[in-house]
C-alpha atoms as a PDB file:
ATOM      1  CA  MET A   1      20.666 -12.253 -45.797  1.00  0.00           C
ATOM      2  CA  LYS A   2      18.454 -12.167 -48.878  1.00  0.00           C
ATOM      3  CA  ASN A   3      15.326 -10.045 -49.138  1.00  0.00           C
ATOM      4  CA  LYS A   4      16.074  -8.242 -45.904  1.00  0.00           C
ATOM      5  CA  PRO A   5      13.326  -5.646 -45.351  1.00  0.00           C
ATOM      6  CA  GLU A   6      14.639  -2.095 -45.122  1.00  0.00           C
ATOM      7  CA  LYS A   7      11.455  -0.470 -43.918  1.00  0.00           C
ATOM      8  CA  PHE A   8       8.497  -1.454 -41.771  1.00  0.00           C
ATOM      9  CA  GLU A   9       5.180   0.345 -41.531  1.00  0.00           C
ATOM     10  CA  PHE A  10       2.927   0.294 -38.481  1.00  0.00           C
ATOM     11  CA  GLU A  11      -0.564   1.627 -37.880  1.00  0.00           C
ATOM     12  CA  PRO A  12      -1.891   2.674 -34.462  1.00  0.00           C
ATOM     13  CA  ILE A  13      -4.377   0.386 -32.762  1.00  0.00           C
ATOM     14  CA  GLY A  14      -5.662   3.279 -30.657  1.00  0.00           C
ATOM     15  CA  TYR A  15      -4.838   6.560 -28.949  1.00  0.00           C
ATOM     16  CA  VAL A  16      -4.249   7.780 -25.417  1.00  0.00           C
ATOM     17  CA  ARG A  17      -6.837  10.192 -23.999  1.00  0.00           C
ATOM     18  CA  CYS A  18      -5.793  12.183 -20.946  1.00  0.00           C
ATOM     19  CA  GLY A  19      -5.243  15.673 -19.562  1.00  0.00           C
ATOM     20  CA  GLN A  20      -1.508  15.893 -20.346  1.00  0.00           C
ATOM     21  CA  ASN A  21      -0.938  17.659 -23.672  1.00  0.00           C
ATOM     22  CA  TYR A  22       2.630  18.972 -23.554  1.00  0.00           C
ATOM     23  CA  ARG A  23       5.965  17.169 -23.293  1.00  0.00           C
ATOM     24  CA  TYR A  24       6.896  18.868 -20.034  1.00  0.00           C
ATOM     25  CA  GLU A  25       3.722  17.427 -18.449  1.00  0.00           C
ATOM     26  CA  ALA A  26       4.917  13.838 -18.851  1.00  0.00           C
ATOM     27  CA  PRO A  27       6.498  12.360 -15.695  1.00  0.00           C
ATOM     28  CA  ARG A  28      10.021  10.914 -16.019  1.00  0.00           C
ATOM     29  CA  GLN A  29       8.527   7.437 -15.609  1.00  0.00           C
ATOM     30  CA  ALA A  30       5.026   6.116 -15.006  1.00  0.00           C
ATOM     31  CA  VAL A  31       5.953   5.185 -11.435  1.00  0.00           C
ATOM     32  CA  PHE A  32       6.274   8.913 -10.609  1.00  0.00           C
ATOM     33  CA  ALA A  33       2.863   9.801 -12.060  1.00  0.00           C
ATOM     34  CA  ASP A  34      -0.464  10.545 -10.397  1.00  0.00           C
ATOM     35  CA  ASN A  35      -3.029  10.754 -13.172  1.00  0.00           C
ATOM     36  CA  GLU A  36      -5.916   9.003 -14.883  1.00  0.00           C
ATOM     37  CA  GLY A  37      -6.916   8.526 -18.490  1.00  0.00           C
ATOM     38  CA  CYS A  38      -7.717   5.843 -21.025  1.00  0.00           C
ATOM     39  CA  ILE A  39      -6.646   4.160 -24.215  1.00  0.00           C
ATOM     40  CA  GLU A  40      -9.324   4.224 -26.907  1.00  0.00           C
ATOM     41  CA  LEU A  41      -8.841   1.345 -29.316  1.00  0.00           C
ATOM     42  CA  LEU A  42      -9.994   1.887 -32.888  1.00  0.00           C
ATOM     43  CA  SER A  43     -13.309   0.516 -34.028  1.00  0.00           C
ATOM     44  CA  GLY A  44     -13.810  -1.930 -36.867  1.00  0.00           C
ATOM     45  CA  HIS A  45     -10.858  -4.197 -36.022  1.00  0.00           C
ATOM     46  CA  ASN A  46     -12.351  -6.444 -33.319  1.00  0.00           C
ATOM     47  CA  TYR A  47      -9.921  -4.940 -30.793  1.00  0.00           C
ATOM     48  CA  GLU A  48     -12.526  -5.219 -28.034  1.00  0.00           C
ATOM     49  CA  GLN A  49     -12.255  -9.008 -28.290  1.00  0.00           C
ATOM     50  CA  ALA A  50      -8.455  -8.788 -28.363  1.00  0.00           C
ATOM     51  CA  ALA A  51      -8.511  -6.771 -25.104  1.00  0.00           C
ATOM     52  CA  ARG A  52     -11.185  -8.788 -23.290  1.00  0.00           C
ATOM     53  CA  ASP A  53      -8.918 -11.002 -21.185  1.00  0.00           C
ATOM     54  CA  LEU A  54      -6.768  -8.140 -19.920  1.00  0.00           C
ATOM     55  CA  THR A  55      -9.327  -7.936 -17.114  1.00  0.00           C
ATOM     56  CA  GLY A  56      -7.608  -9.180 -13.977  1.00  0.00           C
ATOM     57  CA  PHE A  57      -4.173  -7.776 -14.799  1.00  0.00           C
ATOM     58  CA  ASP A  58      -3.009  -4.912 -12.570  1.00  0.00           C
ATOM     59  CA  ARG A  59      -0.560  -3.529 -15.140  1.00  0.00           C
ATOM     60  CA  ILE A  60       0.004  -3.532 -18.883  1.00  0.00           C
ATOM     61  CA  TRP A  61       2.876  -2.661 -21.203  1.00  0.00           C
ATOM     62  CA  VAL A  62       1.935   0.057 -23.676  1.00  0.00           C
ATOM     63  CA  ILE A  63       4.043   0.362 -26.844  1.00  0.00           C
ATOM     64  CA  PHE A  64       3.506   3.830 -28.296  1.00  0.00           C
ATOM     65  CA  MET A  65       4.893   6.576 -30.520  1.00  0.00           C
ATOM     66  CA  PHE A  66       6.600   9.761 -29.306  1.00  0.00           C
ATOM     67  CA  HIS A  67       4.379  11.759 -31.657  1.00  0.00           C
ATOM     68  CA  LEU A  68       5.652  15.178 -30.540  1.00  0.00           C
ATOM     69  CA  ASN A  69       9.341  14.430 -31.105  1.00  0.00           C
ATOM     70  CA  GLU A  70      11.398  14.948 -34.254  1.00  0.00           C
ATOM     71  CA  GLY A  71      14.902  13.657 -34.898  1.00  0.00           C
ATOM     72  CA  TRP A  72      17.183  11.747 -32.592  1.00  0.00           C
ATOM     73  CA  ARG A  73      20.343  12.269 -30.533  1.00  0.00           C
ATOM     74  CA  PRO A  74      23.161   9.783 -29.869  1.00  0.00           C
ATOM     75  CA  LEU A  75      23.880  11.395 -26.488  1.00  0.00           C
ATOM     76  CA  VAL A  76      21.251  12.800 -24.137  1.00  0.00           C
ATOM     77  CA  GLN A  77      21.023  14.485 -20.751  1.00  0.00           C
ATOM     78  CA  PRO A  78      18.496  12.565 -18.604  1.00  0.00           C
ATOM     79  CA  PRO A  79      16.743  14.386 -15.741  1.00  0.00           C
ATOM     80  CA  VAL A  80      18.932  12.444 -13.302  1.00  0.00           C
ATOM     81  CA  ALA A  81      22.400  11.678 -14.678  1.00  0.00           C
ATOM     82  CA  PRO A  82      26.015  11.297 -13.531  1.00  0.00           C
ATOM     83  CA  PRO A  83      27.546  14.734 -12.974  1.00  0.00           C
ATOM     84  CA  GLY A  84      29.326  16.318 -15.906  1.00  0.00           C
ATOM     85  CA  ARG A  85      28.532  13.957 -18.737  1.00  0.00           C
ATOM     86  CA  LYS A  86      25.841  12.938 -21.186  1.00  0.00           C
ATOM     87  CA  VAL A  87      24.563   9.389 -21.524  1.00  0.00           C
ATOM     88  CA  SER A  88      24.317   7.296 -24.683  1.00  0.00           C
ATOM     89  CA  LEU A  89      20.766   7.189 -25.988  1.00  0.00           C
ATOM     90  CA  PHE A  90      20.294   3.429 -25.956  1.00  0.00           C
ATOM     91  CA  ALA A  91      21.195   3.362 -22.253  1.00  0.00           C
ATOM     92  CA  THR A  92      18.250   5.678 -21.491  1.00  0.00           C
ATOM     93  CA  ARG A  93      14.516   5.933 -22.061  1.00  0.00           C
ATOM     94  CA  ALA A  94      14.764   9.401 -23.590  1.00  0.00           C
ATOM     95  CA  PRO A  95      12.286  10.122 -26.419  1.00  0.00           C
ATOM     96  CA  TYR A  96      14.931  11.281 -28.962  1.00  0.00           C
ATOM     97  CA  ARG A  97      15.211   7.930 -30.763  1.00  0.00           C
ATOM     98  CA  PRO A  98      15.956   6.899 -34.372  1.00  0.00           C
ATOM     99  CA  ASN A  99      12.527   5.246 -34.366  1.00  0.00           C
ATOM    100  CA  PRO A 100      10.343   7.273 -31.978  1.00  0.00           C
ATOM    101  CA  ILE A 101       8.928   4.256 -30.155  1.00  0.00           C
ATOM    102  CA  GLY A 102       8.292   4.264 -26.416  1.00  0.00           C
ATOM    103  CA  MET A 103       7.198   1.683 -23.869  1.00  0.00           C
ATOM    104  CA  SER A 104       5.490   2.264 -20.573  1.00  0.00           C
ATOM    105  CA  CYS A 105       4.232   0.007 -17.804  1.00  0.00           C
ATOM    106  CA  VAL A 106       0.964   1.510 -16.579  1.00  0.00           C
ATOM    107  CA  GLU A 107      -1.774   0.566 -14.136  1.00  0.00           C
ATOM    108  CA  LEU A 108      -4.892  -0.933 -15.683  1.00  0.00           C
ATOM    109  CA  VAL A 109      -8.068   0.098 -13.876  1.00  0.00           C
ATOM    110  CA  LYS A 110     -10.688  -1.661 -15.980  1.00  0.00           C
ATOM    111  CA  VAL A 111     -11.592  -2.717 -19.506  1.00  0.00           C
ATOM    112  CA  GLU A 112     -14.805  -1.518 -21.118  1.00  0.00           C
ATOM    113  CA  GLY A 113     -14.996  -2.852 -24.646  1.00  0.00           C
ATOM    114  CA  ARG A 114     -12.547  -0.805 -26.719  1.00  0.00           C
ATOM    115  CA  VAL A 115     -11.701   1.519 -23.811  1.00  0.00           C
ATOM    116  CA  LEU A 116      -8.904   0.641 -21.410  1.00  0.00           C
ATOM    117  CA  HIS A 117      -8.980   2.844 -18.327  1.00  0.00           C
ATOM    118  CA  ILE A 118      -5.481   3.490 -17.000  1.00  0.00           C
ATOM    119  CA  ARG A 119      -3.745   5.499 -14.299  1.00  0.00           C
ATOM    120  CA  ASN A 120      -0.254   6.515 -13.252  1.00  0.00           C
ATOM    121  CA  PHE A 121       1.295   6.758 -16.714  1.00  0.00           C
ATOM    122  CA  ASP A 122       3.873   8.881 -18.562  1.00  0.00           C
ATOM    123  CA  LEU A 123       1.914   9.234 -21.810  1.00  0.00           C
ATOM    124  CA  LEU A 124       0.432  12.304 -23.467  1.00  0.00           C
ATOM    125  CA  ASP A 125      -2.968  12.950 -24.967  1.00  0.00           C
ATOM    126  CA  GLY A 126      -3.039  11.748 -28.558  1.00  0.00           C
ATOM    127  CA  SER A 127      -0.101   9.338 -28.231  1.00  0.00           C
ATOM    128  CA  PRO A 128      -0.574   6.644 -30.895  1.00  0.00           C
ATOM    129  CA  VAL A 129      -0.622   3.176 -29.345  1.00  0.00           C
ATOM    130  CA  LEU A 130       1.068   0.431 -31.381  1.00  0.00           C
ATOM    131  CA  ASP A 131       0.599  -2.569 -29.114  1.00  0.00           C
ATOM    132  CA  ILE A 132      -0.488  -3.667 -25.643  1.00  0.00           C
ATOM    133  CA  LYS A 133       0.873  -6.590 -23.632  1.00  0.00           C
ATOM    134  CA  PRO A 134       0.151  -7.798 -20.090  1.00  0.00           C
ATOM    135  CA  TYR A 135       2.698  -7.121 -17.359  1.00  0.00           C
ATOM    136  CA  ILE A 136       3.689 -10.500 -15.875  1.00  0.00           C
ATOM    137  CA  PRO A 137       5.521 -10.014 -12.548  1.00  0.00           C
ATOM    138  CA  HIS A 138       7.558 -13.234 -12.505  1.00  0.00           C
ATOM    139  CA  ALA A 139       8.704 -12.681 -16.104  1.00  0.00           C
ATOM    140  CA  ASP A 140       9.089  -8.890 -16.237  1.00  0.00           C
ATOM    141  CA  ALA A 141      10.568  -7.944 -12.846  1.00  0.00           C
ATOM    142  CA  PHE A 142      14.255  -8.378 -12.000  1.00  0.00           C
ATOM    143  CA  PRO A 143      14.772  -6.148  -8.929  1.00  0.00           C
ATOM    144  CA  ASP A 144      18.349  -7.323  -8.299  1.00  0.00           C
ATOM    145  CA  SER A 145      19.625  -6.425 -11.788  1.00  0.00           C
ATOM    146  CA  ALA A 146      22.525  -3.976 -12.160  1.00  0.00           C
ATOM    147  CA  ALA A 147      21.392  -0.566 -13.415  1.00  0.00           C
ATOM    148  CA  GLY A 148      24.564   0.699 -15.121  1.00  0.00           C
ATOM    149  CA  TRP A 149      25.077   4.455 -15.078  1.00  0.00           C
ATOM    150  CA  LEU A 150      21.931   4.940 -12.983  1.00  0.00           C
ATOM    151  CA  GLU A 151      23.868   3.689  -9.988  1.00  0.00           C
ATOM    152  CA  GLU A 152      26.215   6.683 -10.427  1.00  0.00           C
ATOM    153  CA  ALA A 153      23.464   9.202 -11.008  1.00  0.00           C
ATOM    154  CA  GLN A 154      22.660  11.853  -8.498  1.00  0.00           C
ATOM    155  CA  GLY A 155      19.422  13.753  -8.322  1.00  0.00           C
ATOM    156  CA  GLU A 156      18.401  16.170  -5.637  1.00  0.00           C
ATOM    157  CA  ARG A 157      14.808  15.498  -4.696  1.00  0.00           C
ATOM    158  CA  TYR A 158      12.687  18.276  -3.218  1.00  0.00           C
ATOM    159  CA  GLU A 159       9.270  18.367  -1.633  1.00  0.00           C
ATOM    160  CA  VAL A 160       7.198  20.884  -3.593  1.00  0.00           C
ATOM    161  CA  LYS A 161       4.719  22.922  -1.553  1.00  0.00           C
ATOM    162  CA  ILE A 162       2.310  25.226  -3.387  1.00  0.00           C
ATOM    163  CA  GLU A 163       0.923  28.121  -1.386  1.00  0.00           C
ATOM    164  CA  PRO A 164      -2.903  28.505  -1.494  1.00  0.00           C
ATOM    165  CA  HIS A 165      -2.597  31.877  -3.276  1.00  0.00           C
ATOM    166  CA  ALA A 166      -0.477  30.336  -6.039  1.00  0.00           C
ATOM    167  CA  LEU A 167      -2.750  27.308  -6.270  1.00  0.00           C
ATOM    168  CA  LYS A 168      -5.780  29.509  -6.907  1.00  0.00           C
ATOM    169  CA  MET A 169      -3.920  31.198  -9.743  1.00  0.00           C
ATOM    170  CA  MET A 170      -2.960  27.846 -11.245  1.00  0.00           C
ATOM    171  CA  GLN A 171      -6.476  26.478 -10.971  1.00  0.00           C
ATOM    172  CA  TRP A 172      -7.917  29.566 -12.682  1.00  0.00           C
ATOM    173  CA  ILE A 173      -5.419  29.307 -15.547  1.00  0.00           C
ATOM    174  CA  LYS A 174      -6.182  25.604 -15.981  1.00  0.00           C
ATOM    175  CA  ALA A 175      -9.945  26.217 -16.001  1.00  0.00           C
ATOM    176  CA  GLU A 176      -9.603  29.019 -18.572  1.00  0.00           C
ATOM    177  CA  SER A 177      -6.973  27.502 -20.879  1.00  0.00           C
ATOM    178  CA  GLY A 178      -6.296  23.875 -19.943  1.00  0.00           C
ATOM    179  CA  LEU A 179      -2.663  24.621 -19.057  1.00  0.00           C
ATOM    180  CA  ASP A 180      -1.816  22.667 -15.876  1.00  0.00           C
ATOM    181  CA  LEU A 181       0.815  24.756 -14.100  1.00  0.00           C
ATOM    182  CA  GLU A 182       0.362  22.828 -10.873  1.00  0.00           C
ATOM    183  CA  ASN A 183       1.460  19.583 -12.503  1.00  0.00           C
ATOM    184  CA  PHE A 184       4.261  21.425 -14.296  1.00  0.00           C
ATOM    185  CA  ALA A 185       5.598  22.787 -10.987  1.00  0.00           C
ATOM    186  CA  LEU A 186       5.451  19.405  -9.259  1.00  0.00           C
ATOM    187  CA  LEU A 187       7.308  17.705 -12.114  1.00  0.00           C
ATOM    188  CA  GLN A 188       9.918  20.356 -12.885  1.00  0.00           C
ATOM    189  CA  LEU A 189      10.714  21.428  -9.337  1.00  0.00           C
ATOM    190  CA  GLY A 190      10.606  18.019  -7.633  1.00  0.00           C
ATOM    191  CA  ILE A 191      14.034  16.889  -8.910  1.00  0.00           C
ATOM    192  CA  ASN A 192      17.065  19.110  -9.516  1.00  0.00           C
ATOM    193  CA  PRO A 193      14.938  22.275  -9.418  1.00  0.00           C
ATOM    194  CA  LEU A 194      17.913  24.610  -9.842  1.00  0.00           C
ATOM    195  CA  ALA A 195      19.254  23.005 -13.035  1.00  0.00           C
ATOM    196  CA  SER A 196      19.169  26.232 -15.034  1.00  0.00           C
ATOM    197  CA  LYS A 197      20.726  24.639 -18.130  1.00  0.00           C
ATOM    198  CA  ARG A 198      17.737  22.321 -18.455  1.00  0.00           C
ATOM    199  CA  LYS A 199      15.016  24.595 -17.133  1.00  0.00           C
ATOM    200  CA  ARG A 200      13.992  28.212 -17.599  1.00  0.00           C
ATOM    201  CA  ILE A 201      15.181  29.301 -14.158  1.00  0.00           C
ATOM    202  CA  SER A 202      15.895  32.972 -13.461  1.00  0.00           C
ATOM    203  CA  ILE A 203      16.006  35.467 -10.608  1.00  0.00           C
ATOM    204  CA  ALA A 204      12.856  37.518 -10.083  1.00  0.00           C
ATOM    205  CA  PRO A 205      13.162  41.123 -11.349  1.00  0.00           C
ATOM    206  CA  ASP A 206      12.439  42.744  -7.970  1.00  0.00           C
ATOM    207  CA  ASP A 207      13.810  40.218  -5.455  1.00  0.00           C
ATOM    208  CA  PRO A 208      17.288  38.634  -5.720  1.00  0.00           C
ATOM    209  CA  GLU A 209      16.239  35.868  -3.321  1.00  0.00           C
ATOM    210  CA  GLN A 210      13.172  34.955  -5.358  1.00  0.00           C
ATOM    211  CA  LEU A 211      13.501  32.436  -8.184  1.00  0.00           C
ATOM    212  CA  GLU A 212      11.187  31.889 -11.122  1.00  0.00           C
ATOM    213  CA  ILE A 213      10.672  29.084 -13.621  1.00  0.00           C
ATOM    214  CA  GLY A 214       9.158  29.726 -17.019  1.00  0.00           C
ATOM    215  CA  CYS A 215       6.309  27.763 -18.552  1.00  0.00           C
ATOM    216  CA  ARG A 216       5.190  29.020 -21.944  1.00  0.00           C
ATOM    217  CA  THR A 217       4.236  32.695 -21.376  1.00  0.00           C
ATOM    218  CA  TRP A 218       3.975  32.376 -17.580  1.00  0.00           C
ATOM    219  CA  ARG A 219       6.450  32.621 -14.720  1.00  0.00           C
ATOM    220  CA  ILE A 220       6.106  30.655 -11.483  1.00  0.00           C
ATOM    221  CA  GLY A 221       7.765  32.221  -8.456  1.00  0.00           C
ATOM    222  CA  PHE A 222       9.332  30.006  -5.798  1.00  0.00           C
ATOM    223  CA  LYS A 223      11.941  29.840  -3.097  1.00  0.00           C
ATOM    224  CA  ALA A 224      14.294  26.908  -2.637  1.00  0.00           C
ATOM    225  CA  TYR A 225      15.441  25.682   0.760  1.00  0.00           C
ATOM    226  CA  PRO A 226      18.329  23.180   0.323  1.00  0.00           C
ATOM    227  CA  ALA A 227      17.880  22.026   3.888  1.00  0.00           C
ATOM    228  CA  PRO A 228      15.402  20.375   4.299  1.00  0.00           C
ATOM    229  CA  HIS A 229      14.996  20.214   0.483  1.00  0.00           C
ATOM    230  CA  ILE A 230      11.746  22.117   0.129  1.00  0.00           C
ATOM    231  CA  ILE A 231      10.439  24.205  -2.764  1.00  0.00           C
ATOM    232  CA  ASP A 232       7.882  26.826  -1.765  1.00  0.00           C
ATOM    233  CA  VAL A 233       5.817  27.924  -4.781  1.00  0.00           C
ATOM    234  CA  GLN A 234       4.413  31.370  -4.036  1.00  0.00           C
ATOM    235  CA  TYR A 235       2.836  32.914  -7.120  1.00  0.00           C
ATOM    236  CA  VAL A 236       2.231  32.901 -10.855  1.00  0.00           C
ATOM    237  CA  ARG A 237       2.681  35.962 -13.025  1.00  0.00           C
ATOM    238  CA  THR A 238       2.448  36.844 -16.680  1.00  0.00           C
ATOM    239  CA  ASN A 239       5.711  37.037 -18.571  1.00  0.00           C
ATOM    240  CA  TYR A 240       4.338  39.803 -20.775  1.00  0.00           C
ATOM    241  CA  THR A 241       5.197  43.428 -20.041  1.00  0.00           C
ATOM    242  CA  PRO A 242       2.368  45.996 -19.692  1.00  0.00           C
ATOM    243  CA  GLU A 243       3.273  47.329 -23.146  1.00  0.00           C
ATOM    244  CA  GLU A 244       3.056  43.840 -24.636  1.00  0.00           C
ATOM    245  CA  LEU A 245      -0.441  43.444 -23.202  1.00  0.00           C
ATOM    246  CA  LEU A 246      -1.834  46.534 -24.877  1.00  0.00           C
ATOM    247  CA  PRO A 247      -4.790  45.613 -27.135  1.00  0.00           C
ATOM    248  CA  ALA A 248      -2.974  46.697 -30.296  1.00  0.00           C
ATOM    249  CA  SER A 249       0.138  44.581 -29.621  1.00  0.00           C
ATOM    250  CA  ASP A 250       0.986  41.486 -31.627  1.00  0.00           C
ATOM    251  CA  ASP A 251      -0.452  38.263 -30.182  1.00  0.00           C
ATOM    252  CA  LYS A 252       1.863  35.548 -31.478  1.00  0.00           C
ATOM    253  CA  TYR A 253       0.652  32.846 -29.085  1.00  0.00           C
ATOM    254  CA  LYS A 254      -3.015  33.902 -29.104  1.00  0.00           C
ATOM    255  CA  ASP A 255      -3.166  34.100 -25.325  1.00  0.00           C
ATOM    256  CA  LYS A 256      -2.933  37.782 -24.419  1.00  0.00           C
ATOM    257  CA  GLU A 257      -6.634  38.130 -23.653  1.00  0.00           C
ATOM    258  CA  LEU A 258      -6.168  35.359 -21.078  1.00  0.00           C
ATOM    259  CA  HIS A 259      -3.232  37.243 -19.556  1.00  0.00           C
ATOM    260  CA  ARG A 260      -5.193  40.520 -19.473  1.00  0.00           C
ATOM    261  CA  ASN A 261      -8.037  38.816 -17.611  1.00  0.00           C
ATOM    262  CA  PHE A 262      -5.526  37.217 -15.258  1.00  0.00           C
ATOM    263  CA  CYS A 263      -3.937  40.576 -14.434  1.00  0.00           C
ATOM    264  CA  GLU A 264      -7.338  42.118 -13.718  1.00  0.00           C
ATOM    265  CA  LYS A 265      -8.500  39.290 -11.477  1.00  0.00           C
ATOM    266  CA  LYS A 266      -8.003  39.434  -7.709  1.00  0.00           C
ATOM    267  CA  PHE A 267      -6.943  36.125  -6.193  1.00  0.00           C
ATOM    268  CA  VAL A 268      -7.839  36.140  -2.510  1.00  0.00           C
END
């Protein structure tokens, strides 16, 4: 083939605006999400006219960039996979792709000019949007299609219960820093919560029956009950030692003042 292009360049048409900032906050798929946000289309391109007739569609396809990912992997370990093996990248929706392009079918709430209000999505704040297309049920849905390796996959699903004491801690941390530990716990502990190779799971220092999962510089304490598949989230604690929280200590992540205030606060 003559004059075959070797490189293509794309420019975003807009950006996602929402409360999810970190990769671990993104649900596995939009269907598992419970959130709200919007897509802000760029001005000066007449995109508001291009989006006008999306009104009336319940869902849209969003083509976007995995802007927080670097590099790619030929084999990946999906959250739910056949036991004992990795899966080839192109047979998954993992973000580690040669071209970091993603697609997501999300609910469209309403269209206001250049702003598309959406909900129940697996996108992050700042995700560059490359294109938008309507979801057409009779053309896009094939419920009887074979699903390959997914039909072999096993994933233990748990109901995650967060005790009121732990919830108050999480809400305080979110209000003070924006870090949503409640959403993190629901996502990470809802499926295969004891997968220590994928998650920062450890035994609590003072209780061999108490488990903890790490999120940045915090630890979330929980107990797992295999029957009837319940996770009981009981507390949040700092992962810093008392010595590390001394005022003169190094503050690599610029969050030790937050942790000091957390340790001084009484959650009742």
